[in-house]
């Protein structure tokens, strides 16, 4: 069993956040209302490795550069960073090779969260 099963990225403007994440990651998010909080769910493919995640808006969700870092896997980190910057992100940590096959980078999304990319 994998210990991590779900993550939630806090947002204050759900519409802005949806536009940002759909543009940067070239995905479609599914809207949901869970326990009185607005969500936009990331695609989850049951037959693939990984966990579920969502953008979450509610009183207890406060965007921050501090705290837990979520790493999102991308197929082309350079193109993803370019889309992110064009969509309003700020580069916090440049693309850095950590092994022969892995590069990482960090951005500040349009909500003010630190998001790490793994490619």
PDB file of N, CA and C in Angstrom:
ATOM      1  N   UNK A   1       0.838  -1.177   0.000  1.00  0.00           N
ATOM      2  CA  UNK A   1       0.000   0.000   0.000  1.00  0.00           C
ATOM      3  C   UNK A   1       0.886   1.244   0.000  1.00  0.00           C
ATOM      4  N   UNK A   2       0.525   2.236  -0.817  1.00  0.00           N
ATOM      5  CA  UNK A   2       1.225   3.511  -0.812  1.00  0.00           C
ATOM      6  C   UNK A   2       0.683   4.373   0.311  1.00  0.00           C
ATOM      7  N   UNK A   3       1.568   5.022   1.049  1.00  0.00           N
ATOM      8  CA  UNK A   3       1.150   5.851   2.171  1.00  0.00           C
ATOM      9  C   UNK A   3       0.388   7.090   1.701  1.00  0.00           C
ATOM     10  N   UNK A   4       0.911   7.779   0.682  1.00  0.00           N
ATOM     11  CA  UNK A   4       0.240   8.977   0.175  1.00  0.00           C
ATOM     12  C   UNK A   4      -0.853   8.569  -0.810  1.00  0.00           C
ATOM     13  N   UNK A   5      -2.085   9.064  -0.547  1.00  0.00           N
ATOM     14  CA  UNK A   5      -3.185   8.688  -1.438  1.00  0.00           C
ATOM     15  C   UNK A   5      -3.907   9.879  -2.051  1.00  0.00           C
ATOM     16  N   UNK A   6      -3.730  11.077  -1.467  1.00  0.00           N
ATOM     17  CA  UNK A   6      -4.461  12.236  -1.978  1.00  0.00           C
ATOM     18  C   UNK A   6      -3.752  13.508  -1.522  1.00  0.00           C
ATOM     19  N   UNK A   7      -3.803  14.545  -2.351  1.00  0.00           N
ATOM     20  CA  UNK A   7      -3.286  15.857  -1.965  1.00  0.00           C
ATOM     21  C   UNK A   7      -4.299  16.909  -2.377  1.00  0.00           C
ATOM     22  N   UNK A   8      -4.265  18.052  -1.688  1.00  0.00           N
ATOM     23  CA  UNK A   8      -5.122  19.179  -2.021  1.00  0.00           C
ATOM     24  C   UNK A   8      -4.279  20.442  -2.040  1.00  0.00           C
ATOM     25  N   UNK A   9      -4.383  21.194  -3.122  1.00  0.00           N
ATOM     26  CA  UNK A   9      -3.650  22.445  -3.277  1.00  0.00           C
ATOM     27  C   UNK A   9      -4.628  23.574  -2.949  1.00  0.00           C
ATOM     28  N   UNK A  10      -4.350  24.371  -1.912  1.00  0.00           N
ATOM     29  CA  UNK A  10      -5.258  25.449  -1.523  1.00  0.00           C
ATOM     30  C   UNK A  10      -5.325  26.546  -2.583  1.00  0.00           C
ATOM     31  N   UNK A  11      -6.528  27.073  -2.792  1.00  0.00           N
ATOM     32  CA  UNK A  11      -6.719  28.176  -3.739  1.00  0.00           C
ATOM     33  C   UNK A  11      -7.693  29.188  -3.146  1.00  0.00           C
ATOM     34  N   UNK A  12      -7.568  30.436  -3.589  1.00  0.00           N
ATOM     35  CA  UNK A  12      -8.528  31.461  -3.189  1.00  0.00           C
ATOM     36  C   UNK A  12      -9.460  31.808  -4.344  1.00  0.00           C
ATOM     37  N   UNK A  13      -8.982  31.658  -5.565  1.00  0.00           N
ATOM     38  CA  UNK A  13      -9.784  31.934  -6.756  1.00  0.00           C
ATOM     39  C   UNK A  13      -9.804  30.662  -7.595  1.00  0.00           C
ATOM     40  N   UNK A  14     -10.841  29.863  -7.418  1.00  0.00           N
ATOM     41  CA  UNK A  14     -10.894  28.555  -8.065  1.00  0.00           C
ATOM     42  C   UNK A  14     -10.883  28.665  -9.587  1.00  0.00           C
ATOM     43  N   UNK A  15     -11.604  29.635 -10.140  1.00  0.00           N
ATOM     44  CA  UNK A  15     -11.636  29.791 -11.605  1.00  0.00           C
ATOM     45  C   UNK A  15     -10.238  30.086 -12.159  1.00  0.00           C
ATOM     46  N   UNK A  16      -9.528  30.999 -11.527  1.00  0.00           N
ATOM     47  CA  UNK A  16      -8.168  31.337 -11.958  1.00  0.00           C
ATOM     48  C   UNK A  16      -7.252  30.119 -11.848  1.00  0.00           C
ATOM     49  N   UNK A  17      -7.364  29.404 -10.736  1.00  0.00           N
ATOM     50  CA  UNK A  17      -6.526  28.230 -10.520  1.00  0.00           C
ATOM     51  C   UNK A  17      -6.817  27.140 -11.547  1.00  0.00           C
ATOM     52  N   UNK A  18      -8.089  26.929 -11.853  1.00  0.00           N
ATOM     53  CA  UNK A  18      -8.448  25.922 -12.866  1.00  0.00           C
ATOM     54  C   UNK A  18      -7.826  26.295 -14.211  1.00  0.00           C
ATOM     55  N   UNK A  19      -7.971  27.539 -14.622  1.00  0.00           N
ATOM     56  CA  UNK A  19      -7.383  27.976 -15.903  1.00  0.00           C
ATOM     57  C   UNK A  19      -5.873  27.732 -15.907  1.00  0.00           C
ATOM     58  N   UNK A  20      -5.201  28.090 -14.813  1.00  0.00           N
ATOM     59  CA  UNK A  20      -3.760  27.918 -14.714  1.00  0.00           C
ATOM     60  C   UNK A  20      -3.370  26.449 -14.845  1.00  0.00           C
ATOM     61  N   UNK A  21      -3.937  25.578 -14.032  1.00  0.00           N
ATOM     62  CA  UNK A  21      -3.542  24.166 -14.021  1.00  0.00           C
ATOM     63  C   UNK A  21      -3.938  23.444 -15.309  1.00  0.00           C
ATOM     64  N   UNK A  22      -5.091  23.775 -15.869  1.00  0.00           N
ATOM     65  CA  UNK A  22      -5.478  23.150 -17.139  1.00  0.00           C
ATOM     66  C   UNK A  22      -4.533  23.580 -18.257  1.00  0.00           C
ATOM     67  N   UNK A  23      -4.121  24.838 -18.252  1.00  0.00           N
ATOM     68  CA  UNK A  23      -3.205  25.347 -19.283  1.00  0.00           C
ATOM     69  C   UNK A  23      -1.807  24.760 -19.134  1.00  0.00           C
ATOM     70  N   UNK A  24      -1.273  24.818 -17.942  1.00  0.00           N
ATOM     71  CA  UNK A  24       0.106  24.378 -17.708  1.00  0.00           C
ATOM     72  C   UNK A  24       0.269  22.886 -17.924  1.00  0.00           C
ATOM     73  N   UNK A  25      -0.651  22.094 -17.403  1.00  0.00           N
ATOM     74  CA  UNK A  25      -0.489  20.641 -17.449  1.00  0.00           C
ATOM     75  C   UNK A  25      -1.289  19.972 -18.563  1.00  0.00           C
ATOM     76  N   UNK A  26      -1.974  20.773 -19.367  1.00  0.00           N
ATOM     77  CA  UNK A  26      -2.736  20.270 -20.507  1.00  0.00           C
ATOM     78  C   UNK A  26      -3.672  19.127 -20.092  1.00  0.00           C
ATOM     79  N   UNK A  27      -4.491  19.418 -19.070  1.00  0.00           N
ATOM     80  CA  UNK A  27      -5.447  18.460 -18.530  1.00  0.00           C
ATOM     81  C   UNK A  27      -6.805  19.144 -18.393  1.00  0.00           C
ATOM     82  N   UNK A  28      -7.820  18.347 -18.071  1.00  0.00           N
ATOM     83  CA  UNK A  28      -9.133  18.881 -17.760  1.00  0.00           C
ATOM     84  C   UNK A  28      -9.478  18.482 -16.333  1.00  0.00           C
ATOM     85  N   UNK A  29      -9.839  19.463 -15.510  1.00  0.00           N
ATOM     86  CA  UNK A  29     -10.194  19.214 -14.120  1.00  0.00           C
ATOM     87  C   UNK A  29     -11.703  19.037 -13.991  1.00  0.00           C
ATOM     88  N   UNK A  30     -12.120  18.210 -13.042  1.00  0.00           N
ATOM     89  CA  UNK A  30     -13.536  17.951 -12.802  1.00  0.00           C
ATOM     90  C   UNK A  30     -13.968  18.684 -11.535  1.00  0.00           C
ATOM     91  N   UNK A  31     -14.991  19.513 -11.636  1.00  0.00           N
ATOM     92  CA  UNK A  31     -15.497  20.267 -10.483  1.00  0.00           C
ATOM     93  C   UNK A  31     -16.276  19.348  -9.539  1.00  0.00           C
ATOM     94  N   UNK A  32     -16.140  19.661  -8.238  1.00  0.00           N
ATOM     95  CA  UNK A  32     -16.886  18.910  -7.231  1.00  0.00           C
ATOM     96  C   UNK A  32     -17.074  19.790  -6.006  1.00  0.00           C
ATOM     97  N   UNK A  33     -18.148  19.530  -5.272  1.00  0.00           N
ATOM     98  CA  UNK A  33     -18.379  20.178  -3.992  1.00  0.00           C
ATOM     99  C   UNK A  33     -18.340  19.068  -2.956  1.00  0.00           C
ATOM    100  N   UNK A  34     -17.366  19.142  -2.047  1.00  0.00           N
ATOM    101  CA  UNK A  34     -17.200  18.089  -1.052  1.00  0.00           C
ATOM    102  C   UNK A  34     -17.224  18.728   0.330  1.00  0.00           C
ATOM    103  N   UNK A  35     -18.175  18.351   1.108  1.00  0.00           N
ATOM    104  CA  UNK A  35     -18.306  18.845   2.479  1.00  0.00           C
ATOM    105  C   UNK A  35     -18.347  20.375   2.537  1.00  0.00           C
ATOM    106  N   UNK A  36     -19.024  20.980   1.570  1.00  0.00           N
ATOM    107  CA  UNK A  36     -19.177  22.427   1.556  1.00  0.00           C
ATOM    108  C   UNK A  36     -17.999  23.205   1.015  1.00  0.00           C
ATOM    109  N   UNK A  37     -16.996  22.514   0.508  1.00  0.00           N
ATOM    110  CA  UNK A  37     -15.817  23.158  -0.072  1.00  0.00           C
ATOM    111  C   UNK A  37     -15.759  22.866  -1.569  1.00  0.00           C
ATOM    112  N   UNK A  38     -15.428  23.887  -2.334  1.00  0.00           N
ATOM    113  CA  UNK A  38     -15.301  23.717  -3.787  1.00  0.00           C
ATOM    114  C   UNK A  38     -13.987  23.010  -4.115  1.00  0.00           C
ATOM    115  N   UNK A  39     -14.046  22.109  -5.078  1.00  0.00           N
ATOM    116  CA  UNK A  39     -12.857  21.379  -5.516  1.00  0.00           C
ATOM    117  C   UNK A  39     -12.814  21.346  -7.038  1.00  0.00           C
ATOM    118  N   UNK A  40     -11.618  21.169  -7.544  1.00  0.00           N
ATOM    119  CA  UNK A  40     -11.408  20.829  -8.946  1.00  0.00           C
ATOM    120  C   UNK A  40     -10.456  19.642  -8.921  1.00  0.00           C
ATOM    121  N   UNK A  41     -10.947  18.490  -9.332  1.00  0.00           N
ATOM    122  CA  UNK A  41     -10.202  17.232  -9.211  1.00  0.00           C
ATOM    123  C   UNK A  41      -9.275  17.012 -10.402  1.00  0.00           C
ATOM    124  N   UNK A  42      -8.044  16.610 -10.092  1.00  0.00           N
ATOM    125  CA  UNK A  42      -7.109  16.226 -11.139  1.00  0.00           C
ATOM    126  C   UNK A  42      -7.548  14.879 -11.707  1.00  0.00           C
ATOM    127  N   UNK A  43      -7.238  14.626 -12.987  1.00  0.00           N
ATOM    128  CA  UNK A  43      -7.587  13.321 -13.563  1.00  0.00           C
ATOM    129  C   UNK A  43      -6.922  12.191 -12.772  1.00  0.00           C
ATOM    130  N   UNK A  44      -7.646  11.122 -12.569  1.00  0.00           N
ATOM    131  CA  UNK A  44      -7.114   9.949 -11.876  1.00  0.00           C
ATOM    132  C   UNK A  44      -7.363   8.742 -12.763  1.00  0.00           C
ATOM    133  N   UNK A  45      -6.297   8.069 -13.127  1.00  0.00           N
ATOM    134  CA  UNK A  45      -6.388   6.872 -13.961  1.00  0.00           C
ATOM    135  C   UNK A  45      -6.141   5.670 -13.052  1.00  0.00           C
ATOM    136  N   UNK A  46      -7.176   4.906 -12.800  1.00  0.00           N
ATOM    137  CA  UNK A  46      -7.110   3.792 -11.852  1.00  0.00           C
ATOM    138  C   UNK A  46      -6.015   2.779 -12.174  1.00  0.00           C
ATOM    139  N   UNK A  47      -5.684   2.622 -13.464  1.00  0.00           N
ATOM    140  CA  UNK A  47      -4.697   1.619 -13.861  1.00  0.00           C
ATOM    141  C   UNK A  47      -3.269   2.158 -13.870  1.00  0.00           C
ATOM    142  N   UNK A  48      -3.053   3.391 -13.404  1.00  0.00           N
ATOM    143  CA  UNK A  48      -1.714   4.002 -13.404  1.00  0.00           C
ATOM    144  C   UNK A  48      -1.275   4.267 -11.969  1.00  0.00           C
ATOM    145  N   UNK A  49       0.045   4.312 -11.758  1.00  0.00           N
ATOM    146  CA  UNK A  49       0.595   4.621 -10.442  1.00  0.00           C
ATOM    147  C   UNK A  49       0.353   6.087 -10.105  1.00  0.00           C
ATOM    148  N   UNK A  50       0.275   6.397  -8.831  1.00  0.00           N
ATOM    149  CA  UNK A  50       0.102   7.771  -8.384  1.00  0.00           C
ATOM    150  C   UNK A  50      -1.122   7.912  -7.502  1.00  0.00           C
ATOM    151  N   UNK A  51      -1.330   9.123  -6.990  1.00  0.00           N
ATOM    152  CA  UNK A  51      -2.452   9.353  -6.090  1.00  0.00           C
ATOM    153  C   UNK A  51      -3.371  10.432  -6.643  1.00  0.00           C
ATOM    154  N   UNK A  52      -4.529  10.553  -6.031  1.00  0.00           N
ATOM    155  CA  UNK A  52      -5.484  11.567  -6.465  1.00  0.00           C
ATOM    156  C   UNK A  52      -5.099  12.925  -5.892  1.00  0.00           C
ATOM    157  N   UNK A  53      -5.640  13.975  -6.505  1.00  0.00           N
ATOM    158  CA  UNK A  53      -5.357  15.316  -6.029  1.00  0.00           C
ATOM    159  C   UNK A  53      -6.424  16.281  -6.489  1.00  0.00           C
ATOM    160  N   UNK A  54      -6.428  17.455  -5.865  1.00  0.00           N
ATOM    161  CA  UNK A  54      -7.444  18.446  -6.199  1.00  0.00           C
ATOM    162  C   UNK A  54      -6.963  19.842  -5.856  1.00  0.00           C
ATOM    163  N   UNK A  55      -7.553  20.826  -6.516  1.00  0.00           N
ATOM    164  CA  UNK A  55      -7.496  22.209  -6.084  1.00  0.00           C
ATOM    165  C   UNK A  55      -8.628  22.345  -5.089  1.00  0.00           C
ATOM    166  N   UNK A  56      -8.417  23.043  -3.981  1.00  0.00           N
ATOM    167  CA  UNK A  56      -9.441  23.116  -2.947  1.00  0.00           C
ATOM    168  C   UNK A  56      -9.621  24.544  -2.447  1.00  0.00           C
ATOM    169  N   UNK A  57     -10.886  24.983  -2.416  1.00  0.00           N
ATOM    170  CA  UNK A  57     -11.231  26.316  -1.928  1.00  0.00           C
ATOM    171  C   UNK A  57     -12.158  26.177  -0.736  1.00  0.00           C
ATOM    172  N   UNK A  58     -11.799  26.807   0.366  1.00  0.00           N
ATOM    173  CA  UNK A  58     -12.618  26.769   1.572  1.00  0.00           C
ATOM    174  C   UNK A  58     -11.899  27.511   2.682  1.00  0.00           C
ATOM    175  N   UNK A  59     -12.575  27.704   3.789  1.00  0.00           N
ATOM    176  CA  UNK A  59     -12.017  28.483   4.896  1.00  0.00           C
ATOM    177  C   UNK A  59     -10.683  27.957   5.413  1.00  0.00           C
ATOM    178  N   UNK A  60     -10.496  26.664   5.425  1.00  0.00           N
ATOM    179  CA  UNK A  60      -9.260  26.100   5.974  1.00  0.00           C
ATOM    180  C   UNK A  60      -8.148  25.948   4.936  1.00  0.00           C
ATOM    181  N   UNK A  61      -8.399  26.351   3.697  1.00  0.00           N
ATOM    182  CA  UNK A  61      -7.407  26.217   2.627  1.00  0.00           C
ATOM    183  C   UNK A  61      -6.745  27.569   2.381  1.00  0.00           C
ATOM    184  N   UNK A  62      -5.466  27.666   2.745  1.00  0.00           N
ATOM    185  CA  UNK A  62      -4.723  28.919   2.641  1.00  0.00           C
ATOM    186  C   UNK A  62      -3.465  28.674   1.798  1.00  0.00           C
ATOM    187  N   UNK A  63      -3.397  29.276   0.600  1.00  0.00           N
ATOM    188  CA  UNK A  63      -2.202  29.115  -0.232  1.00  0.00           C
ATOM    189  C   UNK A  63      -0.952  29.593   0.503  1.00  0.00           C
ATOM    190  N   UNK A  64       0.191  28.951   0.214  1.00  0.00           N
ATOM    191  CA  UNK A  64       1.430  29.302   0.899  1.00  0.00           C
ATOM    192  C   UNK A  64       2.641  28.813   0.122  1.00  0.00           C
ATOM    193  N   UNK A  65       3.745  29.513   0.298  1.00  0.00           N
ATOM    194  CA  UNK A  65       5.025  29.036  -0.225  1.00  0.00           C
ATOM    195  C   UNK A  65       5.697  28.104   0.775  1.00  0.00           C
ATOM    196  N   UNK A  66       5.215  28.077   1.988  1.00  0.00           N
ATOM    197  CA  UNK A  66       5.789  27.269   3.064  1.00  0.00           C
ATOM    198  C   UNK A  66       5.005  25.971   3.229  1.00  0.00           C
ATOM    199  N   UNK A  67       5.596  25.026   3.885  1.00  0.00           N
ATOM    200  CA  UNK A  67       4.882  23.780   4.176  1.00  0.00           C
ATOM    201  C   UNK A  67       5.210  22.678   3.186  1.00  0.00           C
ATOM    202  N   UNK A  68       4.286  21.755   3.067  1.00  0.00           N
ATOM    203  CA  UNK A  68       4.467  20.569   2.236  1.00  0.00           C
ATOM    204  C   UNK A  68       4.633  20.953   0.773  1.00  0.00           C
ATOM    205  N   UNK A  69       5.540  20.273   0.090  1.00  0.00           N
ATOM    206  CA  UNK A  69       5.715  20.477  -1.348  1.00  0.00           C
ATOM    207  C   UNK A  69       5.122  19.305  -2.100  1.00  0.00           C
ATOM    208  N   UNK A  70       4.312  19.645  -3.055  1.00  0.00           N
ATOM    209  CA  UNK A  70       3.726  18.636  -3.930  1.00  0.00           C
ATOM    210  C   UNK A  70       4.577  18.588  -5.191  1.00  0.00           C
ATOM    211  N   UNK A  71       5.036  17.390  -5.573  1.00  0.00           N
ATOM    212  CA  UNK A  71       5.783  17.197  -6.816  1.00  0.00           C
ATOM    213  C   UNK A  71       4.824  16.620  -7.849  1.00  0.00           C
ATOM    214  N   UNK A  72       4.698  17.307  -8.968  1.00  0.00           N
ATOM    215  CA  UNK A  72       3.854  16.824 -10.062  1.00  0.00           C
ATOM    216  C   UNK A  72       4.763  16.366 -11.197  1.00  0.00           C
ATOM    217  N   UNK A  73       4.530  15.171 -11.681  1.00  0.00           N
ATOM    218  CA  UNK A  73       5.366  14.606 -12.738  1.00  0.00           C
ATOM    219  C   UNK A  73       4.907  15.137 -14.090  1.00  0.00           C
ATOM    220  N   UNK A  74       5.881  15.495 -14.923  1.00  0.00           N
ATOM    221  CA  UNK A  74       5.603  16.013 -16.265  1.00  0.00           C
ATOM    222  C   UNK A  74       6.507  15.303 -17.263  1.00  0.00           C
ATOM    223  N   UNK A  75       6.046  15.213 -18.502  1.00  0.00           N
ATOM    224  CA  UNK A  75       6.845  14.516 -19.514  1.00  0.00           C
ATOM    225  C   UNK A  75       7.940  15.411 -20.087  1.00  0.00           C
ATOM    226  N   UNK A  76       7.719  16.715 -20.122  1.00  0.00           N
ATOM    227  CA  UNK A  76       8.707  17.652 -20.656  1.00  0.00           C
ATOM    228  C   UNK A  76       8.765  18.865 -19.737  1.00  0.00           C
ATOM    229  N   UNK A  77       9.732  18.874 -18.830  1.00  0.00           N
ATOM    230  CA  UNK A  77       9.789  19.915 -17.807  1.00  0.00           C
ATOM    231  C   UNK A  77      10.059  21.295 -18.395  1.00  0.00           C
ATOM    232  N   UNK A  78      10.848  21.361 -19.452  1.00  0.00           N
ATOM    233  CA  UNK A  78      11.137  22.653 -20.081  1.00  0.00           C
ATOM    234  C   UNK A  78       9.871  23.285 -20.663  1.00  0.00           C
ATOM    235  N   UNK A  79       9.091  22.496 -21.407  1.00  0.00           N
ATOM    236  CA  UNK A  79       7.847  23.014 -21.997  1.00  0.00           C
ATOM    237  C   UNK A  79       6.835  23.361 -20.905  1.00  0.00           C
ATOM    238  N   UNK A  80       6.786  22.549 -19.862  1.00  0.00           N
ATOM    239  CA  UNK A  80       5.851  22.810 -18.777  1.00  0.00           C
ATOM    240  C   UNK A  80       6.192  24.120 -18.072  1.00  0.00           C
ATOM    241  N   UNK A  81       7.465  24.354 -17.813  1.00  0.00           N
ATOM    242  CA  UNK A  81       7.896  25.619 -17.184  1.00  0.00           C
ATOM    243  C   UNK A  81       7.523  26.795 -18.075  1.00  0.00           C
ATOM    244  N   UNK A  82       7.726  26.683 -19.368  1.00  0.00           N
ATOM    245  CA  UNK A  82       7.378  27.777 -20.288  1.00  0.00           C
ATOM    246  C   UNK A  82       5.880  28.076 -20.245  1.00  0.00           C
ATOM    247  N   UNK A  83       5.053  27.024 -20.271  1.00  0.00           N
ATOM    248  CA  UNK A  83       3.602  27.229 -20.182  1.00  0.00           C
ATOM    249  C   UNK A  83       3.238  27.878 -18.850  1.00  0.00           C
ATOM    250  N   UNK A  84       3.886  27.438 -17.783  1.00  0.00           N
ATOM    251  CA  UNK A  84       3.600  27.989 -16.455  1.00  0.00           C
ATOM    252  C   UNK A  84       3.936  29.478 -16.392  1.00  0.00           C
ATOM    253  N   UNK A  85       5.091  29.855 -16.902  1.00  0.00           N
ATOM    254  CA  UNK A  85       5.489  31.263 -16.874  1.00  0.00           C
ATOM    255  C   UNK A  85       4.538  32.115 -17.708  1.00  0.00           C
ATOM    256  N   UNK A  86       4.155  31.608 -18.877  1.00  0.00           N
ATOM    257  CA  UNK A  86       3.203  32.341 -19.722  1.00  0.00           C
ATOM    258  C   UNK A  86       1.823  32.462 -19.063  1.00  0.00           C
ATOM    259  N   UNK A  87       1.487  31.501 -18.203  1.00  0.00           N
ATOM    260  CA  UNK A  87       0.188  31.499 -17.537  1.00  0.00           C
ATOM    261  C   UNK A  87       0.206  32.279 -16.221  1.00  0.00           C
ATOM    262  N   UNK A  88       1.347  32.878 -15.882  1.00  0.00           N
ATOM    263  CA  UNK A  88       1.407  33.724 -14.695  1.00  0.00           C
ATOM    264  C   UNK A  88       2.194  33.190 -13.524  1.00  0.00           C
ATOM    265  N   UNK A  89       2.873  32.075 -13.684  1.00  0.00           N
ATOM    266  CA  UNK A  89       3.691  31.523 -12.597  1.00  0.00           C
ATOM    267  C   UNK A  89       4.985  32.315 -12.448  1.00  0.00           C
ATOM    268  N   UNK A  90       5.618  32.110 -11.319  1.00  0.00           N
ATOM    269  CA  UNK A  90       6.943  32.668 -11.057  1.00  0.00           C
ATOM    270  C   UNK A  90       7.894  31.497 -10.807  1.00  0.00           C
ATOM    271  N   UNK A  91       9.071  31.541 -11.408  1.00  0.00           N
ATOM    272  CA  UNK A  91      10.052  30.478 -11.185  1.00  0.00           C
ATOM    273  C   UNK A  91      10.708  30.682  -9.829  1.00  0.00           C
ATOM    274  N   UNK A  92      10.657  29.667  -8.983  1.00  0.00           N
ATOM    275  CA  UNK A  92      11.274  29.734  -7.662  1.00  0.00           C
ATOM    276  C   UNK A  92      12.589  28.962  -7.607  1.00  0.00           C
ATOM    277  N   UNK A  93      12.663  27.890  -8.360  1.00  0.00           N
ATOM    278  CA  UNK A  93      13.863  27.041  -8.387  1.00  0.00           C
ATOM    279  C   UNK A  93      14.026  26.585  -9.831  1.00  0.00           C
ATOM    280  N   UNK A  94      15.145  26.928 -10.450  1.00  0.00           N
ATOM    281  CA  UNK A  94      15.300  26.610 -11.869  1.00  0.00           C
ATOM    282  C   UNK A  94      15.397  25.105 -12.118  1.00  0.00           C
ATOM    283  N   UNK A  95      15.181  24.733 -13.351  1.00  0.00           N
ATOM    284  CA  UNK A  95      15.306  23.328 -13.738  1.00  0.00           C
ATOM    285  C   UNK A  95      16.704  22.855 -13.375  1.00  0.00           C
ATOM    286  N   UNK A  96      16.749  21.791 -12.585  1.00  0.00           N
ATOM    287  CA  UNK A  96      18.011  21.258 -12.087  1.00  0.00           C
ATOM    288  C   UNK A  96      18.020  19.755 -12.274  1.00  0.00           C
ATOM    289  N   UNK A  97      19.086  19.243 -12.847  1.00  0.00           N
ATOM    290  CA  UNK A  97      19.218  17.786 -13.023  1.00  0.00           C
ATOM    291  C   UNK A  97      19.684  17.193 -11.698  1.00  0.00           C
ATOM    292  N   UNK A  98      18.932  16.218 -11.171  1.00  0.00           N
ATOM    293  CA  UNK A  98      19.310  15.567  -9.919  1.00  0.00           C
ATOM    294  C   UNK A  98      19.880  14.170 -10.137  1.00  0.00           C
ATOM    295  N   UNK A  99      19.519  13.547 -11.245  1.00  0.00           N
ATOM    296  CA  UNK A  99      20.131  12.292 -11.680  1.00  0.00           C
ATOM    297  C   UNK A  99      20.202  12.354 -13.202  1.00  0.00           C
ATOM    298  N   UNK A 100      20.752  11.331 -13.789  1.00  0.00           N
ATOM    299  CA  UNK A 100      20.852  11.306 -15.249  1.00  0.00           C
ATOM    300  C   UNK A 100      19.485  11.421 -15.919  1.00  0.00           C
ATOM    301  N   UNK A 101      18.465  10.841 -15.284  1.00  0.00           N
ATOM    302  CA  UNK A 101      17.134  10.807 -15.899  1.00  0.00           C
ATOM    303  C   UNK A 101      16.091  11.721 -15.253  1.00  0.00           C
ATOM    304  N   UNK A 102      16.444  12.409 -14.193  1.00  0.00           N
ATOM    305  CA  UNK A 102      15.448  13.201 -13.470  1.00  0.00           C
ATOM    306  C   UNK A 102      15.884  14.660 -13.356  1.00  0.00           C
ATOM    307  N   UNK A 103      14.933  15.557 -13.689  1.00  0.00           N
ATOM    308  CA  UNK A 103      15.116  16.990 -13.488  1.00  0.00           C
ATOM    309  C   UNK A 103      13.973  17.467 -12.589  1.00  0.00           C
ATOM    310  N   UNK A 104      14.252  18.477 -11.769  1.00  0.00           N
ATOM    311  CA  UNK A 104      13.219  19.074 -10.931  1.00  0.00           C
ATOM    312  C   UNK A 104      13.245  20.594 -11.091  1.00  0.00           C
ATOM    313  N   UNK A 105      12.159  21.229 -10.738  1.00  0.00           N
ATOM    314  CA  UNK A 105      12.056  22.688 -10.733  1.00  0.00           C
ATOM    315  C   UNK A 105      10.905  23.037  -9.802  1.00  0.00           C
ATOM    316  N   UNK A 106      10.832  24.317  -9.404  1.00  0.00           N
ATOM    317  CA  UNK A 106       9.724  24.762  -8.569  1.00  0.00           C
ATOM    318  C   UNK A 106       9.182  26.077  -9.106  1.00  0.00           C
ATOM    319  N   UNK A 107       7.851  26.212  -9.011  1.00  0.00           N
ATOM    320  CA  UNK A 107       7.185  27.435  -9.431  1.00  0.00           C
ATOM    321  C   UNK A 107       6.269  27.922  -8.315  1.00  0.00           C
ATOM    322  N   UNK A 108       5.910  29.186  -8.396  1.00  0.00           N
ATOM    323  CA  UNK A 108       4.833  29.731  -7.561  1.00  0.00           C
ATOM    324  C   UNK A 108       3.634  29.848  -8.476  1.00  0.00           C
ATOM    325  N   UNK A 109       2.552  29.147  -8.151  1.00  0.00           N
ATOM    326  CA  UNK A 109       1.373  29.178  -9.015  1.00  0.00           C
ATOM    327  C   UNK A 109       0.623  30.504  -8.846  1.00  0.00           C
ATOM    328  N   UNK A 110      -0.457  30.673  -9.564  1.00  0.00           N
ATOM    329  CA  UNK A 110      -1.201  31.933  -9.524  1.00  0.00           C
ATOM    330  C   UNK A 110      -1.899  32.164  -8.191  1.00  0.00           C
ATOM    331  N   UNK A 111      -1.963  31.146  -7.356  1.00  0.00           N
ATOM    332  CA  UNK A 111      -2.594  31.275  -6.035  1.00  0.00           C
ATOM    333  C   UNK A 111      -1.583  31.570  -4.929  1.00  0.00           C
ATOM    334  N   UNK A 112      -0.288  31.450  -5.237  1.00  0.00           N
ATOM    335  CA  UNK A 112       0.745  31.694  -4.237  1.00  0.00           C
ATOM    336  C   UNK A 112       1.314  30.445  -3.597  1.00  0.00           C
ATOM    337  N   UNK A 113       1.080  29.271  -4.207  1.00  0.00           N
ATOM    338  CA  UNK A 113       1.614  28.003  -3.699  1.00  0.00           C
ATOM    339  C   UNK A 113       2.928  27.655  -4.373  1.00  0.00           C
ATOM    340  N   UNK A 114       3.815  27.025  -3.612  1.00  0.00           N
ATOM    341  CA  UNK A 114       5.043  26.453  -4.163  1.00  0.00           C
ATOM    342  C   UNK A 114       4.699  25.070  -4.702  1.00  0.00           C
ATOM    343  N   UNK A 115       4.905  24.874  -6.005  1.00  0.00           N
ATOM    344  CA  UNK A 115       4.630  23.595  -6.655  1.00  0.00           C
ATOM    345  C   UNK A 115       5.922  23.104  -7.295  1.00  0.00           C
ATOM    346  N   UNK A 116       6.286  21.862  -7.019  1.00  0.00           N
ATOM    347  CA  UNK A 116       7.491  21.285  -7.594  1.00  0.00           C
ATOM    348  C   UNK A 116       7.138  20.432  -8.805  1.00  0.00           C
ATOM    349  N   UNK A 117       8.012  20.474  -9.795  1.00  0.00           N
ATOM    350  CA  UNK A 117       7.839  19.677 -11.014  1.00  0.00           C
ATOM    351  C   UNK A 117       8.941  18.631 -11.068  1.00  0.00           C
ATOM    352  N   UNK A 118       8.591  17.460 -11.530  1.00  0.00           N
ATOM    353  CA  UNK A 118       9.523  16.337 -11.636  1.00  0.00           C
ATOM    354  C   UNK A 118       9.418  15.803 -13.053  1.00  0.00           C
ATOM    355  N   UNK A 119      10.501  15.855 -13.767  1.00  0.00           N
ATOM    356  CA  UNK A 119      10.446  15.401 -15.145  1.00  0.00           C
ATOM    357  C   UNK A 119      11.683  14.680 -15.587  1.00  0.00           C
TER     358      UNK A 119
END
